[in-house]
Protein backbone atom coordinates (compact mmCIF):
# COMPACT_ATOMS: atom_id res chain seq x y z
CA MET A 1 19.09 34.51 -54.32
CA GLY A 2 21.50 33.04 -56.93
CA LYS A 3 21.78 29.39 -57.91
CA LYS A 4 24.66 28.87 -55.47
CA GLY A 5 22.62 30.46 -52.66
CA ILE A 6 19.63 28.26 -53.45
CA LYS A 7 21.88 25.20 -53.42
CA TYR A 8 23.27 26.03 -49.96
CA PHE A 9 19.76 26.76 -48.71
CA ILE A 10 18.54 23.34 -49.88
CA ILE A 11 21.52 21.59 -48.24
CA LEU A 12 20.85 23.43 -44.98
CA LEU A 13 17.17 22.50 -45.11
CA VAL A 14 17.99 18.84 -45.73
CA LEU A 15 20.40 18.80 -42.80
CA LEU A 16 17.76 20.37 -40.59
CA ILE A 17 15.19 17.78 -41.64
CA MET A 18 17.67 14.98 -41.01
CA THR A 19 18.57 16.16 -37.52
CA THR A 20 15.02 16.99 -36.38
CA PRO A 21 14.06 13.35 -35.63
CA LEU A 22 17.20 12.99 -33.55
CA LEU A 23 16.32 16.06 -31.53
CA MET A 24 12.75 14.85 -31.11
CA ALA A 25 13.87 11.37 -30.14
CA THR A 26 16.03 12.66 -27.31
CA GLY A 27 13.26 15.03 -26.24
CA GLY A 28 15.86 17.32 -24.75
CA LYS A 29 16.48 14.62 -22.17
CA GLU A 30 20.22 14.50 -22.49
CA GLU A 31 22.83 17.19 -22.41
CA VAL A 32 26.55 16.85 -22.95
CA LYS A 33 29.10 18.09 -20.42
CA GLU A 34 32.28 19.78 -21.56
CA SER A 35 33.98 16.48 -20.71
CA GLY A 36 31.71 14.73 -23.17
CA GLU A 37 29.73 12.92 -20.45
CA GLN A 38 26.00 12.86 -21.08
CA ILE A 39 23.59 14.27 -18.48
CA LYS A 40 20.26 12.52 -18.29
CA ASP A 41 17.01 14.31 -17.37
CA VAL A 42 14.94 12.59 -14.69
CA THR A 43 11.64 13.64 -13.12
CA LEU A 44 10.69 12.62 -9.58
CA SER A 45 7.13 13.32 -8.46
CA ILE A 46 6.18 13.67 -4.81
CA TYR A 47 2.69 13.45 -3.30
CA ALA A 48 2.70 14.82 0.26
CA ARG A 49 0.76 16.96 2.70
CA ALA A 50 0.91 20.56 1.48
CA TYR A 51 2.42 21.91 4.70
CA THR A 52 5.50 19.69 4.39
CA PHE A 53 6.71 21.89 1.53
CA GLU A 54 6.61 25.08 3.65
CA GLN A 55 10.07 24.82 5.22
CA GLU A 56 13.52 23.69 4.10
CA ALA A 57 13.24 20.30 5.77
CA PRO A 58 12.46 17.76 4.60
CA TRP A 59 12.02 18.29 0.87
CA ALA A 60 14.26 21.20 -0.16
CA ILE A 61 17.18 19.75 1.81
CA ALA A 62 16.63 16.23 0.49
CA GLU A 63 16.23 17.36 -3.11
CA ALA A 64 19.42 19.44 -3.01
CA GLU A 65 21.37 16.58 -1.45
CA LEU A 66 20.09 14.05 -3.98
CA GLN A 67 21.02 16.30 -6.88
CA SER A 68 24.51 16.84 -5.46
CA ARG A 69 25.01 13.07 -5.21
CA HIS A 70 24.09 12.59 -8.86
CA PRO A 71 25.90 15.10 -11.09
CA GLU A 72 25.19 12.78 -14.01
CA LEU A 73 21.46 13.57 -13.64
CA ASN A 74 19.39 16.69 -14.13
CA ILE A 75 16.56 15.99 -11.68
CA THR A 76 13.25 17.81 -11.86
CA PHE A 77 11.18 17.49 -8.70
CA VAL A 78 7.41 17.78 -9.12
CA GLU A 79 5.87 18.57 -5.73
CA GLU A 80 2.14 18.16 -5.26
CA GLY A 81 0.67 19.07 -1.87
CA PHE A 82 -2.71 17.96 -0.55
CA GLY A 83 -4.95 17.98 2.50
CA TRP A 84 -5.25 14.77 4.52
CA ALA A 85 -8.23 13.17 2.76
CA ASP A 86 -7.27 14.47 -0.69
CA LEU A 87 -3.80 12.94 -0.41
CA ARG A 88 -5.27 9.45 -0.08
CA THR A 89 -7.89 10.00 -2.78
CA LYS A 90 -5.39 11.42 -5.27
CA PHE A 91 -2.91 8.61 -4.68
CA LEU A 92 -5.52 5.86 -5.08
CA THR A 93 -6.85 7.48 -8.25
CA ALA A 94 -3.40 8.03 -9.77
CA SER A 95 -2.31 4.48 -8.94
CA ALA A 96 -5.46 3.01 -10.47
CA GLY A 97 -4.78 5.01 -13.62
CA GLY A 98 -1.19 3.80 -13.91
CA ASP A 99 0.22 7.23 -13.06
CA ALA A 100 1.48 6.78 -9.50
CA PRO A 101 4.06 9.25 -8.15
CA ASP A 102 7.61 8.25 -7.23
CA VAL A 103 7.22 9.15 -3.56
CA ILE A 104 4.12 9.08 -1.37
CA GLN A 105 3.64 10.39 2.16
CA ALA A 106 1.40 7.81 3.82
CA ASP A 107 -0.53 8.18 7.06
CA ILE A 108 0.36 5.20 9.22
CA ILE A 109 -3.32 4.16 9.24
CA TRP A 110 -3.27 3.69 5.45
CA LEU A 111 -0.39 1.21 5.49
CA GLY A 112 -2.48 -1.97 5.46
CA GLU A 113 -4.83 -0.66 2.80
CA TYR A 114 -1.99 0.37 0.50
CA VAL A 115 0.04 -2.82 0.92
CA GLU A 116 -2.93 -5.16 0.55
CA GLY A 117 -3.86 -3.20 -2.57
CA GLY A 118 -0.42 -3.80 -4.08
CA LEU A 119 0.36 -0.08 -4.12
CA LEU A 120 3.67 0.11 -2.20
CA THR A 121 7.17 -1.18 -2.91
CA ASP A 122 8.72 -3.58 -0.40
CA LEU A 123 11.71 -1.69 1.05
CA THR A 124 12.91 -4.38 3.47
CA ASP A 125 16.19 -5.04 1.66
CA LYS A 126 16.90 -1.35 1.21
CA VAL A 127 16.43 -0.39 4.88
CA ALA A 128 18.64 -3.32 5.87
CA GLN A 129 21.49 -1.60 4.01
CA TRP A 130 20.62 1.90 5.27
CA ASP A 131 23.14 3.04 7.87
CA GLU A 132 20.48 5.04 9.77
CA TRP A 133 18.03 2.16 10.20
CA PRO A 134 19.60 0.92 13.49
CA ASP A 135 19.00 4.42 14.93
CA VAL A 136 15.21 4.19 14.44
CA VAL A 137 13.35 3.49 17.70
CA GLY A 138 12.30 -0.16 17.83
CA SER A 139 8.55 0.41 18.20
CA PHE A 140 8.58 2.75 15.21
CA LYS A 141 10.50 0.19 13.15
CA GLU A 142 7.76 -2.33 13.81
CA ALA A 143 5.09 0.17 12.78
CA THR A 144 6.62 0.42 9.29
CA LYS A 145 5.93 -3.28 8.69
CA TRP A 146 3.04 -5.21 7.18
CA ASN A 147 3.27 -8.99 7.43
CA GLY A 148 6.86 -8.59 8.57
CA ARG A 149 8.00 -6.55 5.58
CA VAL A 150 9.03 -2.85 5.63
CA TYR A 151 7.19 -0.39 3.38
CA GLY A 152 8.56 2.99 4.40
CA THR A 153 10.52 5.08 6.83
CA TRP A 154 9.15 7.65 9.24
CA LEU A 155 8.81 11.32 8.43
CA ASN A 156 7.61 12.07 11.95
CA THR A 157 5.25 11.04 14.67
CA ASP A 158 3.18 13.16 17.06
CA VAL A 159 1.07 13.07 20.20
CA ARG A 160 -1.93 15.14 21.27
CA VAL A 161 -1.76 17.34 24.35
CA LEU A 162 -4.19 19.66 26.12
CA VAL A 163 -3.59 23.27 25.11
CA TYR A 164 -5.36 25.96 27.10
CA ASN A 165 -5.82 29.71 27.03
CA LYS A 166 -4.58 31.28 30.26
CA LYS A 167 -6.27 34.60 29.47
CA LEU A 168 -9.70 32.96 29.49
CA PHE A 169 -8.76 31.03 32.64
CA ARG A 170 -7.92 34.28 34.43
CA GLU A 171 -11.09 35.97 33.22
CA ALA A 172 -13.12 33.12 34.74
CA GLY A 173 -11.23 33.36 38.02
CA LEU A 174 -9.37 30.07 37.51
CA ASP A 175 -5.72 29.48 38.31
CA PRO A 176 -3.91 29.56 34.93
CA GLU A 177 -1.20 27.27 36.30
CA LYS A 178 -3.65 24.51 37.23
CA PRO A 179 -5.16 22.89 34.11
CA PRO A 180 -7.72 20.08 34.55
CA LYS A 181 -6.38 16.66 35.38
CA ASP A 182 -9.51 14.54 34.87
CA TRP A 183 -12.83 14.71 33.01
CA ASN A 184 -14.71 16.12 35.96
CA GLU A 185 -12.32 19.03 36.28
CA LEU A 186 -12.37 19.50 32.50
CA TYR A 187 -16.17 19.78 32.53
CA ASP A 188 -16.30 22.09 35.55
CA MET A 189 -13.67 24.45 34.17
CA ALA A 190 -15.11 24.45 30.65
CA LYS A 191 -18.57 25.21 32.00
CA LYS A 192 -17.30 28.03 34.22
CA ILE A 193 -15.26 29.65 31.43
CA SER A 194 -17.94 29.49 28.72
CA ASN A 195 -19.54 32.76 27.71
CA PRO A 196 -21.66 31.92 24.62
CA PRO A 197 -21.55 32.97 21.88
CA ASP A 198 -18.32 34.91 22.44
CA TYR A 199 -16.22 31.97 23.60
CA TYR A 200 -16.52 28.45 24.98
CA GLY A 201 -14.64 26.37 27.50
CA PHE A 202 -13.80 23.34 25.39
CA GLY A 203 -13.52 22.65 21.68
CA PHE A 204 -13.30 19.29 19.96
CA PRO A 205 -14.05 18.27 16.35
CA GLY A 206 -17.49 16.85 15.61
CA MET A 207 -17.45 16.98 11.83
CA LEU A 208 -17.19 13.84 9.69
CA VAL A 209 -13.40 13.75 9.61
CA GLU A 210 -10.69 11.53 11.05
CA ALA A 211 -9.84 14.07 13.78
CA THR A 212 -13.27 13.50 15.33
CA ALA A 213 -12.69 9.79 15.87
CA HIS A 214 -9.10 10.49 16.88
CA ARG A 215 -10.10 12.76 19.77
CA TYR A 216 -12.77 10.33 20.95
CA PHE A 217 -10.26 7.48 21.00
CA ALA A 218 -8.13 9.30 23.59
CA PHE A 219 -11.14 9.28 25.93
CA LEU A 220 -11.97 5.67 25.00
CA TYR A 221 -8.53 4.37 25.97
CA SER A 222 -8.41 6.44 29.14
CA ALA A 223 -11.67 4.89 30.32
CA GLY A 224 -10.20 1.44 29.73
CA GLY A 225 -11.73 0.72 26.33
CA LYS A 226 -10.21 -0.03 22.95
CA ILE A 227 -11.16 0.32 19.29
CA LEU A 228 -11.06 -3.31 18.14
CA SER A 229 -10.56 -6.72 19.68
CA ASP A 230 -6.99 -7.92 20.03
CA ASP A 231 -7.32 -10.13 16.95
CA MET A 232 -8.69 -7.17 14.93
CA LYS A 233 -11.74 -9.22 13.94
CA SER A 234 -14.52 -7.42 15.80
CA ALA A 235 -15.48 -4.01 17.20
CA ALA A 236 -14.61 -3.31 20.83
CA PHE A 237 -15.47 0.41 21.16
CA ASN A 238 -19.15 -0.27 21.91
CA SER A 239 -18.51 -1.08 25.54
CA PRO A 240 -19.54 0.61 28.80
CA GLU A 241 -16.23 2.46 28.62
CA GLY A 242 -16.89 3.56 25.04
CA VAL A 243 -20.39 4.80 25.86
CA TYR A 244 -19.07 6.63 28.92
CA ALA A 245 -16.39 8.35 26.84
CA LEU A 246 -18.87 9.52 24.19
CA GLU A 247 -21.46 10.63 26.73
CA THR A 248 -18.79 12.74 28.44
CA LEU A 249 -18.10 14.62 25.20
CA VAL A 250 -21.79 14.97 24.34
CA LYS A 251 -22.50 16.41 27.80
CA MET A 252 -20.12 19.28 27.00
CA VAL A 253 -22.33 20.25 24.08
CA LYS A 254 -25.65 19.72 25.84
CA ASP A 255 -24.59 21.90 28.76
CA GLY A 256 -23.20 24.76 26.66
CA ALA A 257 -19.48 24.27 27.29
CA THR A 258 -18.97 23.36 23.62
CA PRO A 259 -20.98 24.76 20.66
CA THR A 260 -22.86 22.53 18.21
CA SER A 261 -20.99 24.37 15.43
CA ILE A 262 -18.16 21.86 15.94
CA VAL A 263 -20.00 19.56 13.50
CA SER A 264 -19.08 21.84 10.60
CA GLY A 265 -15.98 23.57 9.24
CA SER A 266 -12.45 22.30 9.72
CA TYR A 267 -10.91 20.71 12.80
CA GLY A 268 -8.03 23.14 12.29
CA ASP A 269 -10.45 25.98 13.03
CA ILE A 270 -10.92 24.54 16.52
CA ASP A 271 -7.18 24.37 17.18
CA ASN A 272 -6.76 27.91 15.89
CA ALA A 273 -9.61 29.17 18.06
CA VAL A 274 -7.62 28.47 21.25
CA PHE A 275 -5.07 31.04 20.11
CA GLN A 276 -7.82 33.41 18.97
CA ASP A 277 -9.53 33.48 22.41
CA LYS A 278 -12.59 31.57 21.15
CA PHE A 279 -11.96 28.26 22.95
CA ALA A 280 -10.30 27.93 26.33
CA MET A 281 -9.15 24.32 25.82
CA SER A 282 -8.60 21.77 23.06
CA PHE A 283 -6.44 18.75 22.23
CA MET A 284 -3.85 19.21 19.49
CA THR A 285 -0.32 18.60 18.25
CA LYS A 286 2.48 21.15 17.73
CA PRO A 287 0.90 23.94 19.85
CA PHE A 288 3.86 26.33 19.85
CA GLY A 289 4.43 25.84 16.13
CA LEU A 290 0.77 26.61 15.44
CA ALA A 291 0.83 29.68 17.69
CA LYS A 292 3.84 31.04 15.78
CA LYS A 293 1.84 30.83 12.55
CA LEU A 294 -1.16 32.64 14.01
CA ILE A 295 0.36 35.23 16.34
CA GLU A 296 2.97 37.46 14.79
CA GLY A 297 6.14 37.85 16.81
CA ILE A 298 5.14 35.49 19.61
CA THR A 299 8.05 34.38 21.79
CA PRO A 300 8.33 31.38 24.12
CA GLU A 301 7.98 33.76 27.07
CA LYS A 302 4.81 35.33 25.64
CA PHE A 303 3.43 31.89 24.86
CA LYS A 304 4.01 30.73 28.44
CA ASN A 305 2.21 33.80 29.77
CA ASP A 306 -0.87 33.45 27.57
CA PHE A 307 -1.14 29.70 26.94
CA GLY A 308 -0.43 26.42 28.65
CA VAL A 309 0.29 22.85 27.59
CA ALA A 310 -0.56 19.83 29.74
CA PRO A 311 -1.42 16.12 29.48
CA ILE A 312 -4.91 15.29 28.25
CA PRO A 313 -7.23 14.92 31.26
CA ALA A 314 -7.86 11.29 32.18
CA ALA A 315 -11.09 9.54 33.05
CA PRO A 316 -11.76 9.73 36.81
CA GLY A 317 -9.79 6.81 38.19
CA GLY A 318 -8.66 5.99 34.65
CA LYS A 319 -5.26 5.92 33.01
CA PRO A 320 -3.45 8.69 31.12
CA SER A 321 -4.11 8.47 27.41
CA THR A 322 -3.28 10.29 24.23
CA MET A 323 -3.35 9.39 20.57
CA SER A 324 -0.35 9.24 18.33
CA GLY A 325 -0.17 9.38 14.58
CA GLY A 326 2.40 10.19 11.99
CA TYR A 327 3.51 9.58 8.45
CA LEU A 328 5.72 7.22 6.52
CA LEU A 329 7.58 8.10 3.35
CA SER A 330 7.10 5.27 0.88
CA VAL A 331 7.80 4.35 -2.74
CA PRO A 332 4.73 3.39 -4.79
CA GLN A 333 4.75 0.26 -6.92
CA GLY A 334 4.18 2.46 -9.97
CA SER A 335 7.32 4.55 -9.46
CA LYS A 336 9.44 4.79 -12.59
CA ASN A 337 12.56 5.55 -10.52
CA THR A 338 12.40 3.21 -7.53
CA ASP A 339 16.07 3.38 -6.49
CA LEU A 340 16.25 7.16 -6.82
CA ALA A 341 12.95 7.56 -4.95
CA TRP A 342 14.24 5.43 -2.08
CA GLU A 343 17.42 7.48 -1.94
CA LEU A 344 15.34 10.66 -1.75
CA ILE A 345 13.19 9.44 1.14
CA SER A 346 16.18 8.04 3.00
CA ILE A 347 17.51 11.61 3.04
CA ALA A 348 14.16 13.30 3.74
CA GLY A 349 13.42 10.77 6.48
CA GLY A 350 16.95 10.69 7.87
CA ALA A 351 17.88 12.06 11.28
CA GLU A 352 19.32 15.38 10.09
CA ALA A 353 16.29 16.31 7.98
CA GLN A 354 13.90 15.00 10.62
CA PHE A 355 15.48 17.24 13.24
CA GLY A 356 14.88 20.31 11.09
CA TYR A 357 11.35 19.23 10.21
CA THR A 358 10.24 18.23 13.72
CA THR A 359 11.64 21.33 15.38
CA ALA A 360 10.00 23.58 12.79
CA ARG A 361 6.58 22.01 13.36
CA GLY A 362 6.69 20.78 16.95
CA TYR A 363 6.57 17.09 16.07
CA VAL A 364 8.19 14.13 17.79
CA PRO A 365 11.29 12.45 16.28
CA THR A 366 11.58 8.71 15.71
CA PHE A 367 15.37 8.31 16.07
CA TYR A 368 17.18 7.40 19.28
CA SER A 369 19.87 9.98 18.51
CA LEU A 370 17.29 12.78 18.22
CA MET A 371 15.47 11.85 21.41
CA GLU A 372 18.80 12.25 23.16
CA ARG A 373 18.94 15.85 21.89
CA SER A 374 16.12 17.03 24.14
CA ASP A 375 18.00 20.21 25.06
CA ASP A 376 18.05 21.25 21.41
CA TYR A 377 14.29 20.73 21.21
CA PHE A 378 13.66 22.66 24.44
CA LYS A 379 15.45 25.70 23.00
CA ILE A 380 12.93 25.79 20.15
CA ASP A 381 9.76 24.50 21.85
CA PRO A 382 9.36 25.36 25.55
CA PHE A 383 6.77 22.60 25.99
CA PHE A 384 8.61 19.81 24.23
CA GLY A 385 9.02 18.03 27.58
CA VAL A 386 5.25 17.77 28.03
CA ILE A 387 4.93 16.34 24.51
CA LEU A 388 7.74 13.84 25.03
CA ASP A 389 6.33 12.74 28.38
CA GLN A 390 3.11 11.64 26.67
CA LEU A 391 4.81 8.97 24.52
CA PRO A 392 4.37 6.18 27.10
CA SER A 393 0.61 6.94 27.15
CA ALA A 394 0.23 7.09 23.37
CA ASN A 395 -2.08 4.77 21.46
CA PHE A 396 -2.10 4.05 17.72
CA ARG A 397 -5.11 3.36 15.53
CA PRO A 398 -5.18 0.00 13.74
CA SER A 399 -3.59 0.23 10.30
CA ILE A 400 -5.74 -2.53 8.79
CA PRO A 401 -7.20 -2.07 5.29
CA GLU A 402 -10.72 -1.55 6.68
CA TYR A 403 -9.72 1.22 9.09
CA THR A 404 -10.89 4.18 6.96
CA GLU A 405 -14.43 2.75 6.80
CA ILE A 406 -14.35 1.80 10.47
CA SER A 407 -13.45 5.35 11.39
CA ALA A 408 -16.23 6.72 9.16
CA ALA A 409 -18.83 4.66 11.04
CA ILE A 410 -17.52 5.92 14.38
CA GLN A 411 -17.43 9.52 13.15
CA TYR A 412 -21.08 9.29 12.18
CA ALA A 413 -21.98 7.89 15.60
CA ILE A 414 -20.19 10.74 17.34
CA GLN A 415 -21.83 13.42 15.21
CA ALA A 416 -25.31 11.88 15.54
CA SER A 417 -24.88 11.90 19.32
CA ILE A 418 -23.67 15.50 19.39
CA LEU A 419 -26.67 16.66 17.34
CA GLY A 420 -29.10 14.73 19.54
CA GLU A 421 -30.23 12.53 16.66
CA MET A 422 -29.33 9.38 18.60
CA LYS A 423 -28.35 8.50 22.13
CA ALA A 424 -24.67 7.66 22.50
CA ALA A 425 -25.38 3.99 23.24
CA ASP A 426 -27.68 3.61 20.22
CA ALA A 427 -25.25 5.39 17.91
CA LEU A 428 -22.42 3.09 18.99
CA ASP A 429 -24.68 0.05 18.57
CA GLN A 430 -25.23 1.06 14.97
CA ALA A 431 -21.52 1.72 14.41
CA GLU A 432 -20.61 -1.65 15.92
CA GLU A 433 -22.94 -3.46 13.51
CA ILE A 434 -21.35 -1.69 10.52
CA VAL A 435 -17.81 -2.36 11.70
CA ASN A 436 -18.42 -6.04 12.37
CA GLN A 437 -19.87 -6.40 8.87
CA LEU A 438 -16.73 -4.76 7.47
CA LEU A 439 -14.43 -7.06 9.41
CA ASN A 440 -16.32 -10.26 8.62
C-alpha cells in the first residue's frame, strides 16, 4: 500500500471510530424512512396463559392492529405463556425485581392482591374515554374495580357445566338424554356406570390446586352455603351446608364412583378423561372446544351423539349453582410503555377480538353486543345455550388479597377428606381456623 493508500486508510479508520459511538448510542433503535421521518423501536412484553397465544384472537389480531396504528414505531412483541400458578408466581417475581411486563393477564381472584401490592396501573381515566366501555355488561364492569377504581378490562369469563359421556351412559343402561339433576341422581348414576379400574362414573379434582376448591364451591353454594361472611372478615364455608357438600364428594370416592387418583396429576387430565371414555361425568368449561382438541375431526353432530352438556346437578331441594371465573387484561405499574400497553389491551379485550377468542375456546363474552349475537355462537358451539343459561346461577370467588391462601387451606381440607386422613367436619374446622387467622 502506498503513502496515499495508507493516508486514506487512516482517514477511513478515524471516521469509523468517530461514528461507532453514535451507532452504539442509538442501539439500532431508530431507523429513517425515505421521507426522513425516524422510526423508533419499542418492545412490549406480555405475560399471559400459554393457551391464549394458540389462535389469532386475541394477541395476533391486537398486535397487528396496534402496529398498523403506529407506523412511526417498530414494535417487537415478547410473548411469554405460563400455566395458571406459574403466571402469578412469575409476575410477582418479575415485579419485585423491577422487571415487570407491559401487559399482564390477571385471574379475577388476584385483583385485590395485585392492587393492594401496588402492582397494577389505575386505568379508570382510560376506560372512561374508551368507546367500548359502555358496551361492557354492568356486573362485569364492577368486577374490574378495587375500591371503586378500574384496573383492567375483561378478556373473557366462563362458567362450569356438567359434561357427560353418552357412550358410557348407554353401556350402563342409562338414558343418554337424561343427565342427573341433583346430587342423589349424580351419585346413583356414577355408581352404576363405574367399572374400576377401566372407567369411573364421576371425576373431580382432588389435588392441591385451585380447581379443587373451585369445584367444591359449586356444591357449597348449591347447598345454601358460602365461602366467607358478607363482610369478608371471617370464614363461612365451615357450616352444615359446607360439611354436607364435602361429604357428598367424599362419598363418591369411598364408594368407588371416583378413584383416589384424583389427588394427583393435573385437573385437565380429568376433563380430558371424559372425552377419552375414562370418566362418565365431570364439571368443566369450554367442552366442545376441548373435544375438538382431543378428537380429530369431531363435528357438532358427532359431539351431540357421544357427549352431553347440562347444568351442574343441584343439592336435593337446593338451588342451581355453578362457578364463574375469568381474566382481566391489565397494565402493571412497572410497564415502561403504559399508554401503548393500554392501547394493546383495549384492542385484545375489545368486542371484535373477544368474539374470535370466545368462540374459538367456548368461553362466555362480557359485552352486551356479543351476548346479542347468540346465533353466531350457536353455529360454532352447539351447547352455547346451556353455558349461557348458567350465568344467573354463577358465583364468583372473593378477589381479596388473602384469597390464594384461603383457597390453599380449603384445598388441603378437601384432599385430607378424600384420602381419609380426616373427617370432612374436622378438616373444615382446621381450614376455618387458618382462614380466620388470615383474615384477622
